[in-house]
């Protein structure tokens, strides 16, 4: 798995080794510490991220940085676009859930 870095209000998720949608969801599950029942699809991702964003809205902002995303984008194509749309939707609805993108891991 990728080397993800987390502290209380900041999380960096390394996407540079992502080659499949299943691999993406496995990394996300580990990085965000999603529950065992996480469904590994975009609907489940939206639900779990919304839970995190609601808590951030009630407390301090949470910043998630996705590093090495260019490689994942090339590997996943339109699936990456759909993944990014979910993140954008959550961050637009909950301004205290901040998403950043960094090319290199």
N, C-alpha and C. Protein backbone atom coordinates (compact mmCIF):
# COMPACT_ATOMS: atom_id res chain seq x y z
N UNK A 1 0.83 -1.19 0.00
CA UNK A 1 0.00 0.00 0.00
C UNK A 1 0.88 1.25 0.00
N UNK A 2 0.29 2.33 -0.41
CA UNK A 2 0.99 3.60 -0.46
C UNK A 2 1.27 4.10 0.94
N UNK A 3 2.23 5.01 1.02
CA UNK A 3 2.59 5.59 2.31
C UNK A 3 1.72 6.83 2.53
N UNK A 4 0.66 6.67 3.29
CA UNK A 4 -0.25 7.78 3.57
C UNK A 4 0.13 8.40 4.91
N UNK A 5 0.02 9.71 4.97
CA UNK A 5 0.40 10.43 6.18
C UNK A 5 -0.83 11.11 6.75
N UNK A 6 -1.02 10.94 8.07
CA UNK A 6 -2.21 11.49 8.71
C UNK A 6 -1.84 12.13 10.04
N UNK A 7 -2.44 13.26 10.28
CA UNK A 7 -2.48 13.79 11.64
C UNK A 7 -3.91 14.22 11.88
N UNK A 8 -4.16 14.87 12.94
CA UNK A 8 -5.54 15.15 13.37
C UNK A 8 -6.40 15.80 12.28
N UNK A 9 -5.88 16.78 11.59
CA UNK A 9 -6.70 17.53 10.64
C UNK A 9 -6.14 17.54 9.23
N UNK A 10 -5.10 16.77 8.99
CA UNK A 10 -4.48 16.73 7.67
C UNK A 10 -4.19 15.29 7.29
N UNK A 11 -4.48 14.98 6.05
CA UNK A 11 -4.22 13.64 5.54
C UNK A 11 -3.63 13.78 4.14
N UNK A 12 -2.54 13.07 3.90
CA UNK A 12 -1.97 13.00 2.56
C UNK A 12 -2.14 11.57 2.07
N UNK A 13 -2.76 11.43 0.90
CA UNK A 13 -3.01 10.13 0.30
C UNK A 13 -2.18 10.03 -0.97
N UNK A 14 -1.29 9.05 -1.01
CA UNK A 14 -0.41 8.83 -2.15
C UNK A 14 -1.13 7.97 -3.18
N UNK A 15 -1.40 8.54 -4.34
CA UNK A 15 -2.10 7.84 -5.41
C UNK A 15 -1.15 7.35 -6.50
N UNK A 16 0.14 7.52 -6.32
CA UNK A 16 1.09 7.26 -7.40
C UNK A 16 1.18 5.79 -7.82
N UNK A 17 0.77 4.86 -6.97
CA UNK A 17 0.83 3.44 -7.32
C UNK A 17 -0.52 2.87 -7.75
N UNK A 18 -1.52 3.70 -7.90
CA UNK A 18 -2.86 3.23 -8.24
C UNK A 18 -2.90 2.82 -9.71
N UNK A 19 -3.41 1.60 -9.94
CA UNK A 19 -3.52 1.11 -11.31
C UNK A 19 -4.94 0.64 -11.65
N UNK A 20 -5.76 0.39 -10.61
CA UNK A 20 -7.13 -0.08 -10.81
C UNK A 20 -8.08 0.64 -9.88
N UNK A 21 -9.36 0.58 -10.20
CA UNK A 21 -10.38 1.17 -9.33
C UNK A 21 -10.39 0.46 -7.98
N UNK A 22 -10.23 -0.86 -8.01
CA UNK A 22 -10.20 -1.62 -6.76
C UNK A 22 -9.02 -1.18 -5.89
N UNK A 23 -7.88 -0.95 -6.53
CA UNK A 23 -6.70 -0.48 -5.81
C UNK A 23 -6.93 0.90 -5.21
N UNK A 24 -7.61 1.77 -5.95
CA UNK A 24 -7.94 3.10 -5.44
C UNK A 24 -8.78 2.99 -4.18
N UNK A 25 -9.83 2.19 -4.23
CA UNK A 25 -10.71 2.08 -3.06
C UNK A 25 -10.00 1.42 -1.88
N UNK A 26 -9.09 0.51 -2.13
CA UNK A 26 -8.33 -0.11 -1.04
C UNK A 26 -7.45 0.93 -0.35
N UNK A 27 -6.81 1.79 -1.14
CA UNK A 27 -5.97 2.85 -0.56
C UNK A 27 -6.82 3.85 0.21
N UNK A 28 -7.97 4.21 -0.34
CA UNK A 28 -8.86 5.16 0.33
C UNK A 28 -9.38 4.58 1.64
N UNK A 29 -9.75 3.32 1.62
CA UNK A 29 -10.26 2.67 2.84
C UNK A 29 -9.22 2.70 3.94
N UNK A 30 -7.98 2.39 3.58
CA UNK A 30 -6.90 2.40 4.57
C UNK A 30 -6.58 3.82 5.03
N UNK A 31 -6.46 4.74 4.09
CA UNK A 31 -6.05 6.11 4.42
C UNK A 31 -7.07 6.82 5.31
N UNK A 32 -8.35 6.66 4.99
CA UNK A 32 -9.40 7.33 5.74
C UNK A 32 -9.89 6.51 6.93
N UNK A 33 -9.38 5.30 7.05
CA UNK A 33 -9.81 4.39 8.11
C UNK A 33 -11.31 4.16 8.05
N UNK A 34 -11.79 3.87 6.82
CA UNK A 34 -13.20 3.58 6.62
C UNK A 34 -13.55 2.26 7.32
N UNK A 35 -14.82 2.09 7.67
CA UNK A 35 -15.24 0.86 8.35
C UNK A 35 -15.11 -0.37 7.44
N UNK A 36 -15.09 -1.54 8.05
CA UNK A 36 -14.96 -2.80 7.31
C UNK A 36 -16.03 -2.95 6.25
N UNK A 37 -17.21 -2.43 6.49
CA UNK A 37 -18.32 -2.60 5.55
C UNK A 37 -18.26 -1.63 4.37
N UNK A 38 -17.21 -0.82 4.27
CA UNK A 38 -17.07 0.12 3.15
C UNK A 38 -17.22 -0.65 1.84
N UNK A 39 -18.12 -0.17 0.98
CA UNK A 39 -18.48 -0.90 -0.23
C UNK A 39 -17.52 -0.81 -1.40
N UNK A 40 -16.53 0.06 -1.32
CA UNK A 40 -15.56 0.14 -2.40
C UNK A 40 -16.15 0.63 -3.72
N UNK A 41 -17.06 1.59 -3.64
CA UNK A 41 -17.64 2.20 -4.84
C UNK A 41 -17.86 3.68 -4.56
N UNK A 42 -18.25 4.43 -5.59
CA UNK A 42 -18.36 5.87 -5.43
C UNK A 42 -19.48 6.30 -4.50
N UNK A 43 -20.57 5.57 -4.47
CA UNK A 43 -21.65 5.90 -3.53
C UNK A 43 -21.18 5.73 -2.09
N UNK A 44 -20.50 4.63 -1.82
CA UNK A 44 -19.98 4.39 -0.47
C UNK A 44 -18.92 5.43 -0.12
N UNK A 45 -18.10 5.80 -1.09
CA UNK A 45 -17.08 6.83 -0.86
C UNK A 45 -17.76 8.15 -0.49
N UNK A 46 -18.77 8.52 -1.23
CA UNK A 46 -19.48 9.76 -0.93
C UNK A 46 -20.06 9.74 0.48
N UNK A 47 -20.68 8.63 0.85
CA UNK A 47 -21.27 8.52 2.19
C UNK A 47 -20.22 8.64 3.28
N UNK A 48 -19.11 7.93 3.14
CA UNK A 48 -18.06 7.96 4.17
C UNK A 48 -17.39 9.32 4.25
N UNK A 49 -17.14 9.94 3.10
CA UNK A 49 -16.52 11.27 3.11
C UNK A 49 -17.47 12.31 3.69
N UNK A 50 -18.75 12.16 3.44
CA UNK A 50 -19.73 13.08 4.02
C UNK A 50 -19.72 12.99 5.53
N UNK A 51 -19.60 11.78 6.07
CA UNK A 51 -19.50 11.62 7.53
C UNK A 51 -18.29 12.38 8.07
N UNK A 52 -17.16 12.27 7.39
CA UNK A 52 -15.95 13.00 7.81
C UNK A 52 -16.17 14.51 7.69
N UNK A 53 -16.78 14.93 6.59
CA UNK A 53 -17.00 16.36 6.34
C UNK A 53 -17.95 16.96 7.36
N UNK A 54 -18.98 16.23 7.76
CA UNK A 54 -19.92 16.73 8.77
C UNK A 54 -19.18 16.97 10.08
N UNK A 55 -18.32 16.04 10.46
CA UNK A 55 -17.53 16.23 11.69
C UNK A 55 -16.60 17.42 11.55
N UNK A 56 -16.03 17.62 10.37
CA UNK A 56 -15.15 18.78 10.14
C UNK A 56 -15.93 20.08 10.23
N UNK A 57 -17.17 20.06 9.77
CA UNK A 57 -17.99 21.27 9.83
C UNK A 57 -18.31 21.65 11.27
N UNK A 58 -18.34 20.65 12.14
CA UNK A 58 -18.64 20.89 13.55
C UNK A 58 -17.39 21.22 14.36
N UNK A 59 -16.22 21.01 13.78
CA UNK A 59 -14.95 21.22 14.50
C UNK A 59 -14.00 22.00 13.61
N UNK A 60 -12.76 21.55 13.59
CA UNK A 60 -11.74 22.20 12.76
C UNK A 60 -11.77 21.65 11.34
N UNK A 61 -11.35 22.45 10.38
CA UNK A 61 -11.31 21.96 9.00
C UNK A 61 -10.39 20.75 8.85
N UNK A 62 -10.70 19.94 7.87
CA UNK A 62 -9.88 18.78 7.51
C UNK A 62 -9.37 19.02 6.10
N UNK A 63 -8.06 18.88 5.91
CA UNK A 63 -7.46 19.03 4.59
C UNK A 63 -6.93 17.69 4.14
N UNK A 64 -7.36 17.28 2.95
CA UNK A 64 -6.89 16.03 2.36
C UNK A 64 -6.11 16.38 1.11
N UNK A 65 -4.86 15.95 1.05
CA UNK A 65 -4.01 16.18 -0.11
C UNK A 65 -3.81 14.86 -0.83
N UNK A 66 -4.14 14.85 -2.11
CA UNK A 66 -3.93 13.67 -2.94
C UNK A 66 -2.65 13.90 -3.73
N UNK A 67 -1.62 13.14 -3.40
CA UNK A 67 -0.31 13.28 -4.03
C UNK A 67 -0.14 12.22 -5.10
N UNK A 68 0.62 12.54 -6.13
CA UNK A 68 0.89 11.59 -7.20
C UNK A 68 -0.34 11.26 -8.02
N UNK A 69 -1.26 12.18 -8.11
CA UNK A 69 -2.54 11.90 -8.76
C UNK A 69 -2.44 11.75 -10.27
N UNK A 70 -1.42 12.33 -10.90
CA UNK A 70 -1.31 12.25 -12.36
C UNK A 70 -1.20 10.81 -12.85
N UNK A 71 -0.44 9.99 -12.14
CA UNK A 71 -0.31 8.58 -12.54
C UNK A 71 -1.64 7.86 -12.41
N UNK A 72 -2.35 8.12 -11.33
CA UNK A 72 -3.67 7.49 -11.13
C UNK A 72 -4.64 7.97 -12.20
N UNK A 73 -4.57 9.22 -12.55
CA UNK A 73 -5.45 9.78 -13.57
C UNK A 73 -5.22 9.09 -14.91
N UNK A 74 -3.96 8.87 -15.26
CA UNK A 74 -3.65 8.17 -16.51
C UNK A 74 -4.13 6.72 -16.47
N UNK A 75 -3.95 6.07 -15.34
CA UNK A 75 -4.31 4.66 -15.22
C UNK A 75 -5.81 4.44 -15.20
N UNK A 76 -6.55 5.35 -14.58
CA UNK A 76 -7.98 5.13 -14.36
C UNK A 76 -8.89 5.83 -15.38
N UNK A 77 -8.38 6.81 -16.07
CA UNK A 77 -9.18 7.50 -17.09
C UNK A 77 -10.46 8.10 -16.53
N UNK A 78 -11.59 7.73 -17.12
CA UNK A 78 -12.87 8.31 -16.71
C UNK A 78 -13.24 7.93 -15.28
N UNK A 79 -12.75 6.80 -14.79
CA UNK A 79 -13.02 6.43 -13.39
C UNK A 79 -12.37 7.44 -12.44
N UNK A 80 -11.22 7.97 -12.82
CA UNK A 80 -10.57 9.00 -12.00
C UNK A 80 -11.42 10.27 -12.01
N UNK A 81 -11.93 10.61 -13.16
CA UNK A 81 -12.78 11.80 -13.28
C UNK A 81 -13.99 11.67 -12.35
N UNK A 82 -14.61 10.51 -12.33
CA UNK A 82 -15.77 10.27 -11.47
C UNK A 82 -15.39 10.35 -9.99
N UNK A 83 -14.22 9.80 -9.64
CA UNK A 83 -13.69 9.87 -8.28
C UNK A 83 -13.49 11.32 -7.87
N UNK A 84 -12.89 12.08 -8.75
CA UNK A 84 -12.64 13.49 -8.46
C UNK A 84 -13.94 14.27 -8.30
N UNK A 85 -14.95 13.93 -9.08
CA UNK A 85 -16.25 14.59 -8.95
C UNK A 85 -16.87 14.36 -7.57
N UNK A 86 -16.73 13.16 -7.04
CA UNK A 86 -17.24 12.87 -5.70
C UNK A 86 -16.56 13.77 -4.68
N UNK A 87 -15.25 13.88 -4.77
CA UNK A 87 -14.50 14.73 -3.84
C UNK A 87 -14.92 16.19 -3.99
N UNK A 88 -15.07 16.64 -5.21
CA UNK A 88 -15.49 18.03 -5.43
C UNK A 88 -16.88 18.28 -4.86
N UNK A 89 -17.79 17.33 -5.06
CA UNK A 89 -19.15 17.49 -4.52
C UNK A 89 -19.13 17.63 -3.00
N UNK A 90 -18.37 16.78 -2.33
CA UNK A 90 -18.31 16.83 -0.86
C UNK A 90 -17.66 18.13 -0.40
N UNK A 91 -16.57 18.52 -1.04
CA UNK A 91 -15.87 19.74 -0.59
C UNK A 91 -16.68 21.00 -0.89
N UNK A 92 -17.50 20.98 -1.94
CA UNK A 92 -18.37 22.13 -2.22
C UNK A 92 -19.49 22.23 -1.20
N UNK A 93 -20.03 21.09 -0.80
CA UNK A 93 -21.12 21.09 0.17
C UNK A 93 -20.63 21.40 1.58
N UNK A 94 -19.40 20.99 1.88
CA UNK A 94 -18.83 21.17 3.22
C UNK A 94 -17.49 21.90 3.09
N UNK A 95 -17.49 23.22 3.18
CA UNK A 95 -16.26 24.00 2.99
C UNK A 95 -15.13 23.65 3.96
N UNK A 96 -15.44 23.04 5.11
CA UNK A 96 -14.38 22.65 6.05
C UNK A 96 -13.72 21.33 5.68
N UNK A 97 -14.16 20.73 4.58
CA UNK A 97 -13.52 19.54 4.03
C UNK A 97 -12.78 20.00 2.77
N UNK A 98 -11.48 20.19 2.92
CA UNK A 98 -10.65 20.81 1.89
C UNK A 98 -9.87 19.74 1.15
N UNK A 99 -9.94 19.76 -0.17
CA UNK A 99 -9.23 18.79 -1.00
C UNK A 99 -8.18 19.54 -1.82
N UNK A 100 -6.96 19.01 -1.75
CA UNK A 100 -5.85 19.57 -2.53
C UNK A 100 -5.24 18.48 -3.39
N UNK A 101 -4.66 18.88 -4.51
CA UNK A 101 -4.06 17.94 -5.45
C UNK A 101 -2.59 18.32 -5.66
N UNK A 102 -1.71 17.32 -5.52
CA UNK A 102 -0.28 17.55 -5.73
C UNK A 102 0.22 16.51 -6.73
N UNK A 103 0.93 16.95 -7.74
CA UNK A 103 1.38 16.04 -8.80
C UNK A 103 2.32 14.95 -8.32
N UNK A 104 3.23 15.31 -7.46
CA UNK A 104 4.24 14.33 -7.02
C UNK A 104 3.96 13.85 -5.61
N UNK A 105 4.30 12.60 -5.39
CA UNK A 105 4.08 12.00 -4.07
C UNK A 105 5.14 12.43 -3.09
